[in-house]
């Protein structure tokens, strides 16, 4: 009987431990509508954001808009501002239609790369919930 109780307590503790870890997976709504609406973007433009990718398996990337497209990993706690994608991308070489399929919220990070270029990252509905903390 003691062995059975021990196994039950261990199983219950394991079950609680495994399912108490927050898992960031897209909701059904985020799968159906991966991009934000224009009204949602307008309400977020100019807001300050903090990167909260604090685990080894979930990292965001940032890229310069011009020159070589070598990206860097966004650091946890890094700050930036939401900018309007259409205004920034106007006249650039990047195919805007390809970017707009999955993401449409552009973040300009405060820290520049080694060459002094501004760094940007693009987020959709799920990525903005999983990676960014709006202030």
Protein backbone atom coordinates (compact mmCIF):
# COMPACT_ATOMS: atom_id res chain seq x y z
CA UNK A 1 0.00 0.00 0.00
CA UNK A 2 2.83 2.40 0.86
CA UNK A 3 4.42 1.74 -2.50
CA UNK A 4 1.17 2.52 -4.29
CA UNK A 5 0.76 5.80 -2.37
CA UNK A 6 4.37 6.74 -3.13
CA UNK A 7 3.87 6.12 -6.84
CA UNK A 8 0.63 8.12 -6.82
CA UNK A 9 2.23 11.10 -5.00
CA UNK A 10 5.22 11.04 -7.35
CA UNK A 11 2.95 10.90 -10.41
CA UNK A 12 0.79 13.76 -9.12
CA UNK A 13 3.85 15.91 -8.38
CA UNK A 14 5.29 15.18 -11.80
CA UNK A 15 1.98 16.01 -13.48
CA UNK A 16 1.68 19.33 -11.62
CA UNK A 17 5.33 20.20 -12.32
CA UNK A 18 5.16 19.52 -16.04
CA UNK A 19 1.87 21.31 -16.64
CA UNK A 20 2.70 24.37 -14.53
CA UNK A 21 5.42 25.46 -16.98
CA UNK A 22 4.07 28.24 -19.22
CA UNK A 23 4.15 27.07 -22.82
CA UNK A 24 3.85 29.71 -25.49
CA UNK A 25 1.86 28.22 -28.33
CA UNK A 26 -0.35 30.08 -30.78
CA UNK A 27 -4.03 30.12 -29.96
CA UNK A 28 -6.62 29.23 -32.59
CA UNK A 29 -7.36 32.94 -33.10
CA UNK A 30 -3.65 33.65 -33.64
CA UNK A 31 -3.46 30.84 -36.20
CA UNK A 32 -6.50 32.15 -38.10
CA UNK A 33 -5.40 35.82 -37.95
CA UNK A 34 -1.57 35.87 -37.72
CA UNK A 35 -1.25 39.58 -38.51
CA UNK A 36 -2.54 42.55 -36.55
CA UNK A 37 -5.23 44.84 -37.91
CA UNK A 38 -4.40 48.42 -38.86
CA UNK A 39 -6.32 49.74 -35.82
CA UNK A 40 -4.29 47.50 -33.50
CA UNK A 41 -1.05 48.68 -35.10
CA UNK A 42 -2.06 52.34 -34.81
CA UNK A 43 -2.76 51.86 -31.09
CA UNK A 44 0.71 50.32 -30.58
CA UNK A 45 2.85 52.68 -32.71
CA UNK A 46 5.20 54.69 -30.52
CA UNK A 47 4.89 52.40 -27.49
CA UNK A 48 8.02 51.27 -25.73
CA UNK A 49 8.67 47.52 -25.65
CA UNK A 50 10.97 45.26 -23.67
CA UNK A 51 12.20 41.96 -25.04
CA UNK A 52 11.34 39.09 -22.73
CA UNK A 53 12.87 36.09 -24.50
CA UNK A 54 14.56 34.72 -21.41
CA UNK A 55 14.87 31.04 -22.27
CA UNK A 56 17.34 29.17 -24.44
CA UNK A 57 14.63 27.68 -26.66
CA UNK A 58 12.77 30.92 -27.43
CA UNK A 59 14.77 33.73 -28.96
CA UNK A 60 13.95 36.71 -31.12
CA UNK A 61 16.11 38.00 -33.94
CA UNK A 62 16.82 41.52 -35.14
CA UNK A 63 18.10 42.67 -38.52
CA UNK A 64 19.26 45.86 -40.25
CA UNK A 65 16.99 47.00 -43.07
CA UNK A 66 19.86 47.86 -45.41
CA UNK A 67 23.07 46.14 -46.37
CA UNK A 68 23.85 42.58 -45.39
CA UNK A 69 21.03 40.76 -43.66
CA UNK A 70 23.12 39.20 -40.89
CA UNK A 71 20.86 39.07 -37.86
CA UNK A 72 21.62 39.12 -34.19
CA UNK A 73 19.83 37.53 -31.26
CA UNK A 74 17.73 39.97 -29.24
CA UNK A 75 18.89 40.02 -25.65
CA UNK A 76 16.53 39.64 -22.70
CA UNK A 77 15.57 43.06 -21.32
CA UNK A 78 16.53 44.94 -24.47
CA UNK A 79 14.32 47.96 -25.14
CA UNK A 80 12.90 49.44 -28.31
CA UNK A 81 9.92 51.24 -29.83
CA UNK A 82 7.15 50.13 -32.15
CA UNK A 83 7.34 51.89 -35.51
CA UNK A 84 4.97 51.77 -38.47
CA UNK A 85 6.03 49.14 -41.01
CA UNK A 86 4.68 50.91 -44.07
CA UNK A 87 6.51 54.19 -43.33
CA UNK A 88 9.85 52.52 -42.65
CA UNK A 89 9.73 50.06 -45.55
CA UNK A 90 8.77 52.65 -48.17
CA UNK A 91 11.45 52.66 -50.87
CA UNK A 92 13.44 49.74 -49.45
CA UNK A 93 14.61 46.69 -51.42
CA UNK A 94 12.79 44.19 -49.23
CA UNK A 95 9.65 42.56 -50.61
CA UNK A 96 6.95 44.07 -48.39
CA UNK A 97 4.27 41.58 -49.44
CA UNK A 98 6.43 38.67 -48.27
CA UNK A 99 6.95 40.28 -44.87
CA UNK A 100 3.31 41.27 -44.41
CA UNK A 101 2.06 37.67 -44.66
CA UNK A 102 3.18 36.69 -41.16
CA UNK A 103 4.23 39.85 -39.40
CA UNK A 104 3.37 43.50 -39.53
CA UNK A 105 4.51 45.02 -36.25
CA UNK A 106 8.00 46.48 -36.62
CA UNK A 107 10.16 47.17 -33.56
CA UNK A 108 13.18 49.47 -33.77
CA UNK A 109 15.64 48.46 -31.06
CA UNK A 110 17.56 51.12 -29.13
CA UNK A 111 20.88 49.31 -29.45
CA UNK A 112 22.57 49.54 -32.86
CA UNK A 113 24.79 46.89 -34.43
CA UNK A 114 28.59 47.04 -34.76
CA UNK A 115 28.35 49.08 -37.97
CA UNK A 116 26.09 51.67 -36.37
CA UNK A 117 22.96 50.57 -38.25
CA UNK A 118 19.54 50.58 -36.65
CA UNK A 119 18.25 47.10 -35.85
CA UNK A 120 14.65 46.03 -36.44
CA UNK A 121 12.54 42.97 -35.76
CA UNK A 122 9.18 42.08 -37.21
CA UNK A 123 6.42 40.52 -35.12
CA UNK A 124 2.97 39.17 -35.80
CA UNK A 125 0.14 38.59 -33.35
CA UNK A 126 1.66 35.54 -31.62
CA UNK A 127 5.28 36.74 -31.65
CA UNK A 128 4.34 40.08 -30.11
CA UNK A 129 2.54 38.28 -27.27
CA UNK A 130 5.33 35.76 -26.74
CA UNK A 131 8.39 38.02 -27.09
CA UNK A 132 7.39 41.58 -26.22
CA UNK A 133 6.21 43.35 -23.11
CA UNK A 134 4.46 46.63 -23.94
CA UNK A 135 4.91 49.59 -21.60
